[in-house]
């Protein structure tokens, strides 16, 4: 966005939100929760950042940071960069610097890598006081900036020093780090090491990521055994599919595909039920989890008379294509992809109905972790998509307001399952719960070990509790006789 357009947008935001409320030192968390659309959120955050007193450094910086995140998720990278730059200038917390550095590295224009090294300097100076993962990603950003500056040997040495934590699946953007390290190994290091690092991405994308496959093809040409690499990867994928297929069959499910409204081929795992017709459930899986994380939930609900479709979100599992081969390819279009996944719930229901007799007049939608926002949006798109179960809801901070709006507008009954391992998601559940009917919605916390949907495997009381709540709230006419404020069972 040019300077003139940016100034116009900010002026418009100030004009729309120049009330005493906007001029007051409002809490950014409140803005995040009360804004029902990305456009409304950005306008409010910009108005707050411009009108709050200069002394409100933390709040003003937070407003700029979250406005940038919202812009970035909506595909407006230049606007996001301007917001991140303001957050660094006003507050300069690690989160501000990291967001700004990542956005600059993703853009990669002339002058961007130099600016990244400048932004990261304070982070590198205090690295010894940070966690191992924090040190790794900070030095990883530094290394990638050096690579863009054509200092590949230095970049590779730095990446190698932090390879283990960077490739840890718990590290944010770990797939990006795997890709970057693999490319550095190809161009400045060991081609065989490049292959070792990149093959997991090739298998995960089912060979649909053209960049990954191009790098592997080039690495193979540099290796004596490179001519058999393709066949070897195909055998690995066949073996993975064979094991997965046996596991699914042993659980009583079957792998299926269906065509979404935009023509994309979406994959899932269907679990029929012996009940005729069965109640239907569509589970929007978290992109970073496999169907095995939902095994106990799926088999338990199937025994209880539910037919389920576990939907693999686009970019994960078998729901891959060249334009969306990995979860990392959501970056910069997260809002769009979330909405598309939400829209996949209804085609998934139709595919389930073609497999097993189900009652399609009403169906359960389940979301876990990052997919909780897509589940909430699915309920807003289809009045039949209720009740809703959210397991360890972990949406982006800028999704919380829209989620609350989607759920509250439709008076959707929501069951929140919060395992103790995911206790950090309790605050999200509580914030969403405040916008719901307390007579029909419920928050349940489990003390058993087990994260997200795996809690149904380790907590024997979790599924019966959920099934009882579903029986109480399945009919749209029924209102559970619970007192306002009574949220837990």
Protein backbone atom coordinates (compact mmCIF):
# COMPACT_ATOMS: atom_id res chain seq x y z
CA UNK A 1 0.00 0.00 0.00
CA UNK A 2 1.37 3.42 -0.95
CA UNK A 3 1.79 6.22 1.56
CA UNK A 4 -1.23 8.10 0.26
CA UNK A 5 -3.50 5.05 0.46
CA UNK A 6 -2.17 4.20 3.92
CA UNK A 7 -2.86 7.73 5.15
CA UNK A 8 -6.36 7.59 3.67
CA UNK A 9 -7.09 4.26 5.36
CA UNK A 10 -5.88 5.52 8.71
CA UNK A 11 -7.89 8.74 8.37
CA UNK A 12 -10.98 6.71 7.51
CA UNK A 13 -10.44 4.50 10.53
CA UNK A 14 -10.12 7.52 12.80
CA UNK A 15 -13.26 9.03 11.32
CA UNK A 16 -15.26 5.87 11.83
CA UNK A 17 -14.05 5.30 15.37
CA UNK A 18 -13.54 8.76 16.85
CA UNK A 19 -16.01 8.19 19.66
CA UNK A 20 -15.03 8.50 23.33
CA UNK A 21 -14.73 4.73 23.35
CA UNK A 22 -12.08 4.80 20.64
CA UNK A 23 -10.22 7.69 22.27
CA UNK A 24 -10.09 5.93 25.60
CA UNK A 25 -7.18 3.70 26.52
CA UNK A 26 -9.13 0.54 25.68
CA UNK A 27 -7.60 -2.83 26.22
CA UNK A 28 -6.29 -4.41 23.01
CA UNK A 29 -7.55 -7.79 24.18
CA UNK A 30 -11.05 -6.34 24.30
CA UNK A 31 -10.69 -5.08 20.74
CA UNK A 32 -9.57 -8.51 19.60
CA UNK A 33 -12.60 -10.15 21.17
CA UNK A 34 -15.28 -7.62 20.27
CA UNK A 35 -14.45 -7.12 16.57
CA UNK A 36 -16.55 -9.43 14.42
CA UNK A 37 -14.68 -9.05 11.11
CA UNK A 38 -11.03 -8.55 10.10
CA UNK A 39 -11.85 -5.15 8.58
CA UNK A 40 -13.56 -3.98 11.76
CA UNK A 41 -10.69 -5.27 13.89
CA UNK A 42 -8.05 -3.50 11.83
CA UNK A 43 -9.98 -0.24 11.85
CA UNK A 44 -10.39 -0.35 15.62
CA UNK A 45 -6.78 -1.29 16.24
CA UNK A 46 -5.50 1.50 13.99
CA UNK A 47 -7.80 4.02 15.63
CA UNK A 48 -6.70 2.93 19.07
CA UNK A 49 -3.00 3.02 18.14
CA UNK A 50 -3.39 6.58 16.83
CA UNK A 51 -5.52 7.92 19.69
CA UNK A 52 -4.05 6.24 22.77
CA UNK A 53 -1.67 8.37 24.86
CA UNK A 54 2.05 8.12 24.11
CA UNK A 55 2.57 6.62 27.55
CA UNK A 56 0.52 3.56 26.58
CA UNK A 57 3.53 2.03 24.87
CA UNK A 58 2.62 -1.62 25.45
CA UNK A 59 -0.96 -1.25 24.27
CA UNK A 60 -0.09 0.86 21.23
CA UNK A 61 2.61 -1.59 20.18
CA UNK A 62 0.22 -4.50 20.64
CA UNK A 63 -2.40 -2.77 18.51
CA UNK A 64 0.08 -2.29 15.66
CA UNK A 65 1.32 -5.89 15.97
CA UNK A 66 -2.15 -7.42 15.78
CA UNK A 67 -3.22 -5.11 12.98
CA UNK A 68 -0.18 -6.35 11.07
CA UNK A 69 -1.08 -9.97 11.78
CA UNK A 70 -4.62 -9.39 10.51
CA UNK A 71 -3.35 -7.72 7.33
CA UNK A 72 -0.86 -10.52 6.76
CA UNK A 73 -3.49 -13.25 7.15
CA UNK A 74 -5.61 -11.38 4.63
CA UNK A 75 -2.86 -11.31 2.01
CA UNK A 76 -1.99 -7.61 2.42
CA UNK A 77 1.72 -7.99 3.01
CA UNK A 78 2.78 -4.36 2.53
CA UNK A 79 0.19 -3.10 5.00
CA UNK A 80 1.32 -5.76 7.47
CA UNK A 81 4.94 -4.63 7.13
CA UNK A 82 4.00 -1.04 7.89
CA UNK A 83 2.18 -2.15 11.04
CA UNK A 84 5.04 -4.35 12.20
CA UNK A 85 7.48 -1.51 11.61
CA UNK A 86 5.39 0.76 13.83
CA UNK A 87 5.21 -1.92 16.53
CA UNK A 88 9.01 -2.23 16.55
CA UNK A 89 9.46 1.54 16.65
CA UNK A 90 7.00 2.03 19.52
CA UNK A 91 7.51 -1.06 21.63
CA UNK A 92 10.18 -3.31 20.14
CA UNK A 93 9.30 -6.47 22.01
CA UNK A 94 10.62 -9.81 20.69
CA UNK A 95 7.21 -10.63 19.18
CA UNK A 96 7.25 -7.33 17.26
CA UNK A 97 10.77 -7.87 15.95
CA UNK A 98 10.13 -11.49 15.00
CA UNK A 99 6.95 -10.67 13.08
CA UNK A 100 8.66 -7.82 11.24
CA UNK A 101 11.73 -9.91 10.45
CA UNK A 102 9.67 -12.83 9.14
CA UNK A 103 7.59 -10.54 6.92
CA UNK A 104 10.73 -8.95 5.48
CA UNK A 105 12.34 -12.32 4.86
CA UNK A 106 9.21 -13.58 3.13
CA UNK A 107 9.22 -10.52 0.88
CA UNK A 108 12.98 -10.60 0.20
CA UNK A 109 13.34 -7.29 -1.62
CA UNK A 110 16.55 -5.28 -1.88
CA UNK A 111 17.41 -3.87 1.52
CA UNK A 112 15.15 -6.28 3.41
CA UNK A 113 17.88 -8.69 4.65
CA UNK A 114 20.01 -5.79 5.93
CA UNK A 115 16.99 -4.47 7.79
CA UNK A 116 16.37 -7.92 9.26
CA UNK A 117 19.90 -8.10 10.68
CA UNK A 118 19.42 -4.67 12.16
CA UNK A 119 16.07 -5.62 13.74
CA UNK A 120 17.46 -8.86 15.15
CA UNK A 121 20.54 -7.26 16.72
CA UNK A 122 18.87 -6.70 20.13
CA UNK A 123 17.49 -10.25 20.02
CA UNK A 124 20.96 -11.70 19.35
CA UNK A 125 22.52 -9.68 22.17
CA UNK A 126 20.21 -11.24 24.78
CA UNK A 127 20.16 -14.71 23.22
CA UNK A 128 21.80 -16.31 26.26
CA UNK A 129 18.79 -15.45 28.41
CA UNK A 130 16.30 -16.99 25.99
CA UNK A 131 15.09 -20.56 25.49
CA UNK A 132 16.88 -22.93 23.14
CA UNK A 133 14.06 -22.65 20.59
CA UNK A 134 14.05 -18.85 20.77
CA UNK A 135 17.81 -18.76 20.19
CA UNK A 136 17.46 -21.17 17.28
CA UNK A 137 14.77 -19.26 15.40
CA UNK A 138 16.54 -15.94 15.96
CA UNK A 139 19.78 -17.30 14.54
CA UNK A 140 17.83 -19.05 11.81
CA UNK A 141 16.39 -15.71 10.69
CA UNK A 142 19.88 -14.24 10.79
CA UNK A 143 21.17 -17.12 8.66
CA UNK A 144 18.43 -16.73 6.05
CA UNK A 145 19.14 -13.01 5.81
CA UNK A 146 22.80 -13.86 5.17
CA UNK A 147 21.74 -16.31 2.46
CA UNK A 148 19.70 -13.62 0.69
CA UNK A 149 22.80 -11.43 0.89
CA UNK A 150 24.66 -14.20 -0.96
CA UNK A 151 26.71 -15.22 2.04
CA UNK A 152 25.69 -18.83 1.72
CA UNK A 153 28.62 -20.47 3.51
CA UNK A 154 28.10 -18.36 6.63
CA UNK A 155 24.35 -18.96 6.44
CA UNK A 156 24.78 -22.72 6.23
CA UNK A 157 27.20 -22.85 9.17
CA UNK A 158 24.74 -20.89 11.31
CA UNK A 159 21.78 -23.02 10.23
CA UNK A 160 23.68 -26.23 10.97
CA UNK A 161 24.46 -25.00 14.47
CA UNK A 162 20.72 -24.72 15.18
CA UNK A 163 19.39 -27.52 12.98
CA UNK A 164 17.99 -29.77 15.69
CA UNK A 165 15.68 -27.22 17.37
CA UNK A 166 14.75 -25.65 14.03
CA UNK A 167 13.51 -28.98 12.68
CA UNK A 168 11.62 -29.86 15.87
CA UNK A 169 7.91 -30.19 14.97
CA UNK A 170 7.10 -27.98 17.97
CA UNK A 171 9.09 -25.08 16.51
CA UNK A 172 6.94 -22.50 14.71
CA UNK A 173 7.31 -22.69 10.93
CA UNK A 174 9.45 -25.84 11.22
CA UNK A 175 8.60 -26.81 7.63
CA UNK A 176 9.97 -23.48 6.40
CA UNK A 177 13.19 -24.13 8.29
CA UNK A 178 13.44 -27.61 6.80
CA UNK A 179 13.03 -26.17 3.31
CA UNK A 180 15.60 -23.43 3.93
CA UNK A 181 18.19 -25.78 5.43
CA UNK A 182 17.70 -28.23 2.57
CA UNK A 183 18.21 -25.51 -0.01
CA UNK A 184 21.34 -24.28 1.74
CA UNK A 185 22.74 -27.82 1.80
CA UNK A 186 22.08 -28.16 -1.92
CA UNK A 187 23.74 -24.89 -2.89
CA UNK A 188 26.55 -24.64 -0.33
CA UNK A 189 26.85 -27.96 1.45
CA UNK A 190 26.16 -31.65 1.06
CA UNK A 191 23.61 -32.83 -1.58
CA UNK A 192 23.08 -36.09 0.31
CA UNK A 193 22.24 -34.10 3.42
CA UNK A 194 19.86 -32.02 1.32
CA UNK A 195 18.03 -35.19 0.33
CA UNK A 196 17.84 -36.41 3.90
CA UNK A 197 16.31 -33.13 5.06
CA UNK A 198 13.91 -32.59 2.14
CA UNK A 199 12.46 -36.08 1.72
CA UNK A 200 10.06 -35.69 4.70
CA UNK A 201 8.55 -32.64 2.99
CA UNK A 202 8.23 -34.55 -0.26
CA UNK A 203 6.42 -37.41 1.47
CA UNK A 204 4.19 -35.12 3.51
CA UNK A 205 3.15 -33.22 0.39
CA UNK A 206 2.69 -36.49 -1.51
CA UNK A 207 5.13 -35.11 -4.11
CA UNK A 208 2.80 -32.16 -4.83
CA UNK A 209 5.19 -29.40 -3.73
CA UNK A 210 6.95 -28.36 -6.92
CA UNK A 211 9.69 -26.40 -5.15
CA UNK A 212 10.54 -29.32 -2.89
CA UNK A 213 10.57 -31.79 -5.77
CA UNK A 214 12.71 -29.44 -7.86
CA UNK A 215 15.33 -29.20 -5.13
CA UNK A 216 15.36 -32.98 -4.69
CA UNK A 217 15.70 -33.48 -8.43
CA UNK A 218 18.70 -31.18 -8.55
CA UNK A 219 20.27 -32.86 -5.52
CA UNK A 220 19.76 -36.28 -7.10
CA UNK A 221 21.72 -35.22 -10.18
CA UNK A 222 24.72 -34.53 -7.95
CA UNK A 223 24.66 -37.96 -6.28
CA UNK A 224 25.79 -41.32 -7.70
CA UNK A 225 22.69 -42.99 -6.26
CA UNK A 226 20.43 -40.13 -7.29
CA UNK A 227 18.81 -42.01 -10.15
CA UNK A 228 16.99 -44.31 -7.70
CA UNK A 229 15.82 -41.53 -5.38
CA UNK A 230 12.42 -41.18 -7.03
CA UNK A 231 11.65 -44.89 -6.84
CA UNK A 232 12.83 -45.03 -3.24
CA UNK A 233 10.52 -42.18 -2.21
CA UNK A 234 7.59 -43.81 -3.98
CA UNK A 235 8.22 -47.03 -2.04
CA UNK A 236 8.33 -45.08 1.21
CA UNK A 237 5.00 -43.42 0.45
CA UNK A 238 3.42 -46.75 -0.49
CA UNK A 239 4.58 -48.22 2.83
CA UNK A 240 3.23 -45.23 4.76
CA UNK A 241 -0.12 -45.55 3.00
CA UNK A 242 -0.21 -49.30 3.63
CA UNK A 243 0.32 -48.87 7.37
CA UNK A 244 -2.21 -46.03 7.54
CA UNK A 245 -4.74 -48.05 5.55
CA UNK A 246 -4.44 -51.01 7.89
CA UNK A 247 -4.82 -48.78 10.94
CA UNK A 248 -7.91 -47.11 9.50
CA UNK A 249 -9.45 -50.48 8.61
CA UNK A 250 -8.72 -51.87 12.08
CA UNK A 251 -10.54 -48.87 13.57
CA UNK A 252 -13.56 -49.50 11.37
CA UNK A 253 -13.02 -46.55 9.04
CA UNK A 254 -12.30 -46.04 5.37
CA UNK A 255 -10.36 -43.38 3.50
CA UNK A 256 -12.43 -41.31 1.07
CA UNK A 257 -12.22 -38.19 -1.05
CA UNK A 258 -14.82 -35.64 -2.13
CA UNK A 259 -14.95 -32.58 -4.32
CA UNK A 260 -15.34 -29.20 -2.64
CA UNK A 261 -17.48 -26.40 -4.04
CA UNK A 262 -14.43 -24.80 -5.68
CA UNK A 263 -13.35 -28.07 -7.29
CA UNK A 264 -10.56 -28.92 -4.84
CA UNK A 265 -10.27 -32.61 -3.95
CA UNK A 266 -10.52 -32.99 -0.18
CA UNK A 267 -9.67 -36.20 1.65
CA UNK A 268 -10.94 -37.65 4.86
CA UNK A 269 -11.59 -40.78 6.87
CA UNK A 270 -15.20 -41.93 7.23
CA UNK A 271 -16.47 -43.93 10.21
CA UNK A 272 -19.91 -45.42 9.56
CA UNK A 273 -22.24 -46.39 12.37
CA UNK A 274 -24.58 -49.35 12.81
CA UNK A 275 -27.34 -46.98 13.87
CA UNK A 276 -29.86 -46.31 11.06
CA UNK A 277 -30.04 -43.47 10.39
CA UNK A 278 -27.06 -42.30 12.40
CA UNK A 279 -26.43 -38.87 13.76
CA UNK A 280 -23.74 -37.19 11.67
CA UNK A 281 -20.50 -35.54 12.76
CA UNK A 282 -17.91 -33.69 10.69
CA UNK A 283 -14.51 -33.32 12.35
CA UNK A 284 -12.26 -30.61 10.91
CA UNK A 285 -8.84 -31.90 11.92
CA UNK A 286 -5.96 -29.69 12.94
CA UNK A 287 -3.53 -29.46 9.97
CA UNK A 288 -0.62 -30.65 12.11
CA UNK A 289 -2.37 -33.80 13.36
CA UNK A 290 -3.14 -37.15 11.76
CA UNK A 291 -6.33 -39.19 12.02
CA UNK A 292 -4.73 -41.28 14.77
CA UNK A 293 -5.09 -38.35 17.17
CA UNK A 294 -8.86 -38.72 16.79
CA UNK A 295 -9.07 -42.52 16.91
CA UNK A 296 -10.74 -42.87 20.31
CA UNK A 297 -13.14 -40.01 19.66
CA UNK A 298 -14.15 -41.47 16.28
CA UNK A 299 -14.55 -45.11 17.34
CA UNK A 300 -16.30 -44.17 20.59
CA UNK A 301 -18.82 -41.94 18.85
CA UNK A 302 -19.40 -44.55 16.13
CA UNK A 303 -20.30 -47.10 18.82
CA UNK A 304 -22.67 -44.53 20.33
CA UNK A 305 -24.59 -44.12 17.09
CA UNK A 306 -22.75 -41.37 15.27
CA UNK A 307 -21.28 -41.55 11.78
CA UNK A 308 -18.18 -39.39 11.43
CA UNK A 309 -16.13 -37.83 8.69
CA UNK A 310 -12.64 -36.78 9.73
CA UNK A 311 -11.69 -34.07 7.23
CA UNK A 312 -8.02 -33.50 6.47
CA UNK A 313 -7.69 -29.71 5.97
CA UNK A 314 -6.25 -28.52 2.70
CA UNK A 315 -2.49 -28.81 2.65
CA UNK A 316 -2.46 -31.82 4.99
CA UNK A 317 -2.88 -35.58 4.69
CA UNK A 318 -4.27 -36.51 1.28
CA UNK A 319 -5.86 -33.07 0.80
CA UNK A 320 -2.92 -31.76 -1.18
CA UNK A 321 -2.40 -30.22 -4.61
CA UNK A 322 0.37 -28.13 -6.19
CA UNK A 323 -1.30 -24.90 -5.06
CA UNK A 324 -1.68 -26.18 -1.49
CA UNK A 325 0.81 -29.00 -0.82
CA UNK A 326 1.67 -28.30 2.84
CA UNK A 327 0.22 -26.40 5.82
CA UNK A 328 3.05 -23.88 5.39
CA UNK A 329 1.49 -22.77 2.10
CA UNK A 330 -1.41 -21.21 4.03
CA UNK A 331 0.92 -18.37 5.02
CA UNK A 332 -0.33 -15.03 3.74
CA UNK A 333 -3.78 -16.39 2.97
CA UNK A 334 -4.82 -17.92 6.30
CA UNK A 335 -8.22 -16.25 6.38
CA UNK A 336 -9.07 -17.46 2.89
CA UNK A 337 -7.94 -21.02 3.58
CA UNK A 338 -9.78 -21.15 6.91
CA UNK A 339 -12.99 -20.12 5.15
CA UNK A 340 -12.46 -22.71 2.44
CA UNK A 341 -11.95 -25.44 5.04
CA UNK A 342 -15.11 -24.28 6.82
CA UNK A 343 -16.95 -24.54 3.51
CA UNK A 344 -15.73 -28.12 3.13
CA UNK A 345 -17.93 -29.27 6.04
CA UNK A 346 -21.10 -29.47 3.95
CA UNK A 347 -19.56 -31.46 1.05
CA UNK A 348 -18.05 -33.74 3.69
CA UNK A 349 -21.53 -34.32 5.12
CA UNK A 350 -22.85 -35.17 1.65
CA UNK A 351 -20.00 -37.61 1.08
CA UNK A 352 -20.70 -39.25 4.43
CA UNK A 353 -24.38 -39.58 3.48
CA UNK A 354 -23.36 -41.43 0.31
CA UNK A 355 -21.45 -43.98 2.41
CA UNK A 356 -23.83 -44.66 5.28
CA UNK A 357 -27.43 -43.72 6.18
CA UNK A 358 -27.37 -40.53 8.26
CA UNK A 359 -29.79 -37.85 9.38
CA UNK A 360 -28.65 -34.73 7.51
CA UNK A 361 -31.16 -32.37 9.12
CA UNK A 362 -28.63 -31.59 11.82
CA UNK A 363 -24.97 -32.48 12.28
CA UNK A 364 -22.19 -32.00 14.79
CA UNK A 365 -19.09 -30.02 13.86
CA UNK A 366 -15.86 -30.66 15.77
CA UNK A 367 -12.74 -28.51 15.63
CA UNK A 368 -9.46 -28.90 17.48
CA UNK A 369 -6.56 -26.53 18.07
CA UNK A 370 -6.07 -24.28 15.02
CA UNK A 371 -9.09 -25.78 13.22
CA UNK A 372 -11.44 -24.47 15.90
CA UNK A 373 -11.94 -21.24 13.94
CA UNK A 374 -12.93 -23.19 10.82
CA UNK A 375 -15.45 -25.18 12.88
CA UNK A 376 -16.97 -21.97 14.20
CA UNK A 377 -17.19 -20.55 10.69
CA UNK A 378 -18.81 -23.78 9.45
CA UNK A 379 -21.58 -23.27 12.02
CA UNK A 380 -22.09 -19.75 10.69
CA UNK A 381 -22.33 -21.01 7.10
CA UNK A 382 -24.92 -23.73 7.73
CA UNK A 383 -27.72 -23.53 10.29
CA UNK A 384 -27.74 -27.33 10.48
CA UNK A 385 -24.10 -27.38 11.65
CA UNK A 386 -24.74 -27.45 15.36
CA UNK A 387 -23.97 -28.24 18.07
CA UNK A 388 -20.24 -27.55 17.98
CA UNK A 389 -17.41 -29.16 19.95
CA UNK A 390 -14.12 -27.28 20.29
CA UNK A 391 -11.19 -29.25 21.68
CA UNK A 392 -8.28 -27.16 22.98
CA UNK A 393 -9.33 -24.16 20.84
CA UNK A 394 -6.19 -22.37 19.71
CA UNK A 395 -7.09 -19.86 17.00
CA UNK A 396 -4.95 -16.91 16.04
CA UNK A 397 -5.58 -13.95 18.39
CA UNK A 398 -7.14 -12.03 15.50
CA UNK A 399 -9.68 -14.84 14.92
CA UNK A 400 -11.21 -14.73 18.39
CA UNK A 401 -13.63 -11.88 17.71
CA UNK A 402 -14.98 -13.38 14.48
CA UNK A 403 -15.26 -16.77 16.19
CA UNK A 404 -17.33 -15.32 19.00
CA UNK A 405 -19.53 -13.51 16.50
CA UNK A 406 -20.07 -16.63 14.37
CA UNK A 407 -21.04 -18.73 17.39
CA UNK A 408 -23.12 -16.17 19.26
CA UNK A 409 -25.11 -14.91 16.28
CA UNK A 410 -26.45 -18.39 15.61
CA UNK A 411 -26.96 -19.17 19.31
CA UNK A 412 -24.81 -22.25 18.77
CA UNK A 413 -24.45 -24.69 21.69
CA UNK A 414 -20.72 -25.23 22.20
CA UNK A 415 -18.90 -27.85 24.24
CA UNK A 416 -15.30 -26.93 25.12
CA UNK A 417 -12.96 -29.79 26.03
CA UNK A 418 -9.77 -28.53 27.68
CA UNK A 419 -7.12 -31.12 28.64
CA UNK A 420 -4.66 -30.09 31.33
CA UNK A 421 -1.81 -30.27 28.80
CA UNK A 422 -3.57 -27.52 26.83
CA UNK A 423 -4.49 -25.37 29.82
CA UNK A 424 -3.29 -22.28 27.94
CA UNK A 425 -6.40 -22.56 25.75
CA UNK A 426 -8.70 -22.16 28.75
CA UNK A 427 -8.65 -18.37 28.46
CA UNK A 428 -9.74 -18.63 24.82
CA UNK A 429 -12.60 -20.97 25.75
CA UNK A 430 -13.71 -18.67 28.54
CA UNK A 431 -13.64 -15.61 26.29
CA UNK A 432 -15.75 -17.39 23.66
CA UNK A 433 -18.08 -18.80 26.30
CA UNK A 434 -18.96 -15.31 27.53
CA UNK A 435 -20.71 -14.64 24.21
CA UNK A 436 -22.77 -17.87 24.33
CA UNK A 437 -25.96 -19.03 26.01
CA UNK A 438 -24.74 -20.42 29.36
CA UNK A 439 -27.76 -22.75 29.49
CA UNK A 440 -26.58 -24.75 26.50
CA UNK A 441 -22.80 -24.31 26.36
CA UNK A 442 -20.26 -25.87 28.64
CA UNK A 443 -16.53 -25.87 29.46
CA UNK A 444 -15.01 -29.09 30.72
CA UNK A 445 -11.43 -29.37 31.92
CA UNK A 446 -9.74 -32.76 32.13
CA UNK A 447 -6.94 -33.45 34.58
CA UNK A 448 -5.70 -36.45 32.65
CA UNK A 449 -2.52 -36.37 30.57
CA UNK A 450 -3.22 -36.10 26.86
CA UNK A 451 -3.39 -33.16 24.49
CA UNK A 452 -6.26 -32.06 22.24
CA UNK A 453 -8.40 -34.93 20.86
CA UNK A 454 -6.06 -37.52 22.38
CA UNK A 455 -7.73 -36.76 25.71
CA UNK A 456 -10.57 -39.07 24.64
CA UNK A 457 -8.03 -41.89 24.59
CA UNK A 458 -6.69 -41.27 28.10
CA UNK A 459 -9.65 -39.88 30.03
CA UNK A 460 -12.37 -42.53 30.30
CA UNK A 461 -14.89 -39.94 31.50
CA UNK A 462 -14.39 -37.53 28.58
CA UNK A 463 -16.50 -39.29 25.94
CA UNK A 464 -19.49 -40.18 28.18
CA UNK A 465 -19.57 -36.56 29.35
CA UNK A 466 -19.59 -35.32 25.77
CA UNK A 467 -22.25 -37.82 24.66
CA UNK A 468 -24.54 -36.79 27.51
CA UNK A 469 -24.18 -33.13 26.55
CA UNK A 470 -24.91 -33.96 22.90
CA UNK A 471 -28.10 -35.77 23.87
CA UNK A 472 -29.17 -32.73 25.88
CA UNK A 473 -28.45 -30.25 23.10
CA UNK A 474 -29.08 -32.11 19.85
CA UNK A 475 -32.64 -30.92 19.41
CA UNK A 476 -32.85 -27.24 18.40
CA UNK A 477 -35.94 -26.79 20.59
CA UNK A 478 -34.45 -28.09 23.79
CA UNK A 479 -32.84 -25.77 26.32
CA UNK A 480 -30.86 -27.41 29.10
CA UNK A 481 -32.03 -26.21 32.52
CA UNK A 482 -28.77 -24.76 33.72
CA UNK A 483 -28.24 -21.56 35.64
CA UNK A 484 -26.50 -18.61 34.02
CA UNK A 485 -22.80 -18.74 34.79
CA UNK A 486 -22.80 -22.50 35.38
CA UNK A 487 -20.25 -23.39 32.76
CA UNK A 488 -18.52 -26.50 34.02
CA UNK A 489 -19.43 -30.07 34.55
